[in-house]
């Protein structure tokens, strides 16, 4: 059975996007590094940092435009016991030579998209890099690497999807599908007037 990602090679209007940010950030500070203004799926988000409390924050919306937010840093995975590969994230490297200092070498990530559980998003998604107030350092370096699949041309994407799944008789695209505004689909299925003639 073809799932959503297995269909992508047959579709138009999408592309892989790779975002890579490295920032020096002060304790308690959060720096906005990007705003994503397309629709798509987060495949992975990896954090590399020299402080176990250095991390990334995601502010994103669902289809009803409710604002959601989550933040993660390597120590949050250790607290949860997430030290083995898991789609919901884990600490891949946790080297803290001094237990009284938050300094070290740390790698943590979310890789759900590679394991069939990508996170969908709509505009606008805000990415931030931060250093939690729990850090023992006044400043740390945090690198965030985010991989996404993004719908770059919504009309081409919808038309090619309809063609592949066999609903090519629906020629019109409801404008609601091309925006990020909340709204109701006005028509489903083929145009009845065309079927009668």
Protein backbone atom coordinates (compact mmCIF):
# COMPACT_ATOMS: atom_id res chain seq x y z
CA UNK A 1 0.00 0.00 0.00
CA UNK A 2 1.31 3.44 -0.90
CA UNK A 3 1.47 5.78 2.07
CA UNK A 4 1.86 9.56 1.85
CA UNK A 5 5.65 9.53 1.57
CA UNK A 6 5.70 6.66 -0.91
CA UNK A 7 3.41 8.73 -3.15
CA UNK A 8 5.69 11.79 -3.14
CA UNK A 9 7.89 10.67 -6.08
CA UNK A 10 4.73 10.57 -8.22
CA UNK A 11 3.64 14.08 -7.19
CA UNK A 12 4.64 17.60 -8.18
CA UNK A 13 4.92 20.81 -6.15
CA UNK A 14 7.02 19.63 -3.18
CA UNK A 15 10.69 19.71 -2.17
CA UNK A 16 13.07 18.68 0.61
CA UNK A 17 14.31 21.63 2.67
CA UNK A 18 17.34 21.57 4.95
CA UNK A 19 17.79 24.26 7.59
CA UNK A 20 20.96 24.55 9.66
CA UNK A 21 21.42 27.17 12.40
CA UNK A 22 24.29 27.68 14.83
CA UNK A 23 24.02 30.39 17.48
CA UNK A 24 25.78 31.45 20.66
CA UNK A 25 22.99 32.02 23.15
CA UNK A 26 22.98 33.40 26.69
CA UNK A 27 21.38 31.61 29.64
CA UNK A 28 17.64 32.35 29.67
CA UNK A 29 17.74 33.71 26.11
CA UNK A 30 15.70 32.47 23.14
CA UNK A 31 16.65 33.55 19.61
CA UNK A 32 14.29 33.29 16.65
CA UNK A 33 16.23 31.72 13.75
CA UNK A 34 13.54 31.08 11.13
CA UNK A 35 9.92 31.41 10.09
CA UNK A 36 8.58 28.75 7.74
CA UNK A 37 5.76 30.05 5.56
CA UNK A 38 4.84 26.84 3.71
CA UNK A 39 2.88 23.68 4.52
CA UNK A 40 4.61 20.36 4.98
CA UNK A 41 6.08 17.82 7.38
CA UNK A 42 9.03 17.89 9.76
CA UNK A 43 11.15 14.82 9.03
CA UNK A 44 13.82 15.38 11.66
CA UNK A 45 15.19 17.96 14.08
CA UNK A 46 18.68 17.43 15.50
CA UNK A 47 20.32 19.46 18.30
CA UNK A 48 24.11 19.59 18.79
CA UNK A 49 25.27 21.68 21.73
CA UNK A 50 27.98 22.16 24.35
CA UNK A 51 25.36 22.51 27.13
CA UNK A 52 22.80 19.88 28.10
CA UNK A 53 20.20 22.67 28.45
CA UNK A 54 20.79 24.17 24.99
CA UNK A 55 17.90 23.42 22.69
CA UNK A 56 15.32 24.31 20.08
CA UNK A 57 11.79 25.63 20.46
CA UNK A 58 9.05 25.09 17.86
CA UNK A 59 5.96 27.28 17.63
CA UNK A 60 3.52 25.88 15.11
CA UNK A 61 -0.13 25.72 14.08
CA UNK A 62 -2.57 23.03 13.08
CA UNK A 63 -5.27 23.36 10.41
CA UNK A 64 -7.51 25.39 12.78
CA UNK A 65 -4.56 27.74 13.43
CA UNK A 66 -4.38 26.98 17.15
CA UNK A 67 -0.87 27.84 18.36
CA UNK A 68 1.18 25.00 19.81
CA UNK A 69 4.65 25.08 21.25
CA UNK A 70 7.23 22.60 22.42
CA UNK A 71 10.83 22.97 23.43
CA UNK A 72 13.48 20.29 23.77
CA UNK A 73 17.04 20.07 24.93
CA UNK A 74 19.25 16.99 25.52
CA UNK A 75 18.60 16.91 29.26
CA UNK A 76 14.84 16.69 28.70
CA UNK A 77 15.37 13.32 27.00
CA UNK A 78 17.61 12.08 29.83
CA UNK A 79 14.94 13.09 32.35
CA UNK A 80 12.42 10.98 30.42
CA UNK A 81 14.84 8.06 30.06
CA UNK A 82 14.83 8.47 26.26
CA UNK A 83 18.33 7.19 25.48
CA UNK A 84 17.53 4.67 22.72
CA UNK A 85 16.36 5.45 19.19
CA UNK A 86 12.70 6.37 19.19
CA UNK A 87 10.55 8.34 16.71
CA UNK A 88 9.53 10.74 19.47
CA UNK A 89 13.19 11.61 20.16
CA UNK A 90 16.16 10.59 22.23
CA UNK A 91 19.57 11.69 23.46
CA UNK A 92 22.06 10.17 21.02
CA UNK A 93 25.19 11.49 22.76
CA UNK A 94 25.29 12.73 26.34
CA UNK A 95 28.81 13.49 27.55
CA UNK A 96 28.85 15.50 30.79
CA UNK A 97 32.32 15.14 32.32
CA UNK A 98 31.53 17.23 35.41
CA UNK A 99 28.18 16.36 37.06
CA UNK A 100 28.14 19.83 38.68
CA UNK A 101 28.34 21.59 35.31
CA UNK A 102 25.90 21.49 32.39
CA UNK A 103 28.83 21.78 29.94
CA UNK A 104 29.81 18.87 27.70
CA UNK A 105 28.98 17.45 24.28
CA UNK A 106 25.37 16.61 23.57
CA UNK A 107 23.34 15.42 20.56
CA UNK A 108 19.60 14.84 20.68
CA UNK A 109 16.94 14.62 18.05
CA UNK A 110 13.50 13.86 16.75
CA UNK A 111 13.60 11.58 13.72
CA UNK A 112 9.96 10.59 13.42
CA UNK A 113 9.75 11.29 9.70
CA UNK A 114 12.33 8.64 8.86
CA UNK A 115 10.27 6.18 10.89
CA UNK A 116 6.89 7.00 9.35
CA UNK A 117 5.70 9.59 11.86
CA UNK A 118 6.40 13.02 10.38
CA UNK A 119 4.89 16.10 12.03
CA UNK A 120 2.64 18.18 9.71
CA UNK A 121 2.69 21.97 9.89
CA UNK A 122 1.04 24.99 8.28
CA UNK A 123 2.27 28.61 8.19
CA UNK A 124 3.65 30.15 10.20
CA UNK A 125 6.09 27.87 12.02
CA UNK A 126 8.66 29.68 14.16
CA UNK A 127 11.98 28.06 15.10
CA UNK A 128 14.04 29.32 18.03
CA UNK A 129 17.33 28.35 19.63
CA UNK A 130 17.56 28.80 23.40
CA UNK A 131 19.53 28.11 26.56
CA UNK A 132 17.40 27.13 29.54
CA UNK A 133 17.82 28.97 32.84
CA UNK A 134 18.90 25.66 34.43
CA UNK A 135 22.27 25.92 32.66
CA UNK A 136 25.37 26.46 34.81
CA UNK A 137 27.01 28.37 31.94
CA UNK A 138 26.39 32.00 31.07
CA UNK A 139 26.55 31.17 27.34
CA UNK A 140 26.49 28.09 25.12
CA UNK A 141 26.63 27.23 21.43
CA UNK A 142 23.60 25.46 20.01
CA UNK A 143 23.25 24.04 16.51
CA UNK A 144 19.84 23.02 15.20
CA UNK A 145 19.42 21.05 11.97
CA UNK A 146 15.86 20.65 10.67
CA UNK A 147 14.83 18.57 7.64
CA UNK A 148 11.37 19.04 6.14
CA UNK A 149 9.27 18.07 3.15
CA UNK A 150 7.44 21.22 2.07
CA UNK A 151 4.63 21.85 -0.38
CA UNK A 152 6.19 24.55 -2.54
CA UNK A 153 3.41 24.76 -5.18
CA UNK A 154 0.07 23.87 -3.55
CA UNK A 155 -1.97 23.86 -6.76
CA UNK A 156 0.46 21.53 -8.56
CA UNK A 157 0.61 19.30 -5.48
CA UNK A 158 -3.18 18.99 -5.20
CA UNK A 159 -3.69 18.43 -8.95
CA UNK A 160 -1.00 15.74 -9.12
CA UNK A 161 -2.33 14.06 -5.97
CA UNK A 162 -5.83 13.96 -7.46
CA UNK A 163 -4.46 12.50 -10.67
CA UNK A 164 -2.52 9.75 -8.87
CA UNK A 165 -5.44 8.69 -6.65
CA UNK A 166 -7.85 8.67 -9.59
CA UNK A 167 -9.98 11.70 -8.89
CA UNK A 168 -8.87 13.66 -11.96
CA UNK A 169 -12.47 14.51 -12.83
CA UNK A 170 -12.42 17.20 -10.14
CA UNK A 171 -10.84 20.05 -12.06
CA UNK A 172 -11.55 22.93 -9.71
CA UNK A 173 -9.53 23.40 -6.54
CA UNK A 174 -11.45 24.86 -3.63
CA UNK A 175 -9.64 28.12 -2.71
CA UNK A 176 -9.77 27.09 0.98
CA UNK A 177 -7.22 24.36 0.20
CA UNK A 178 -4.73 26.93 -1.10
CA UNK A 179 -4.78 29.19 1.96
CA UNK A 180 -3.95 28.81 5.61
CA UNK A 181 -7.16 30.52 6.72
CA UNK A 182 -9.68 28.39 8.64
CA UNK A 183 -12.59 27.50 6.40
CA UNK A 184 -14.96 24.82 5.24
CA UNK A 185 -14.59 22.89 2.01
CA UNK A 186 -17.45 24.06 -0.20
CA UNK A 187 -17.72 21.04 -2.46
CA UNK A 188 -16.69 17.41 -2.39
CA UNK A 189 -16.48 15.02 -5.30
CA UNK A 190 -16.97 15.71 -9.04
CA UNK A 191 -19.04 18.64 -10.24
CA UNK A 192 -22.61 17.27 -10.48
CA UNK A 193 -23.55 19.55 -13.39
CA UNK A 194 -20.74 18.08 -15.50
CA UNK A 195 -21.85 14.51 -14.65
CA UNK A 196 -25.43 15.13 -15.89
CA UNK A 197 -24.39 16.45 -19.32
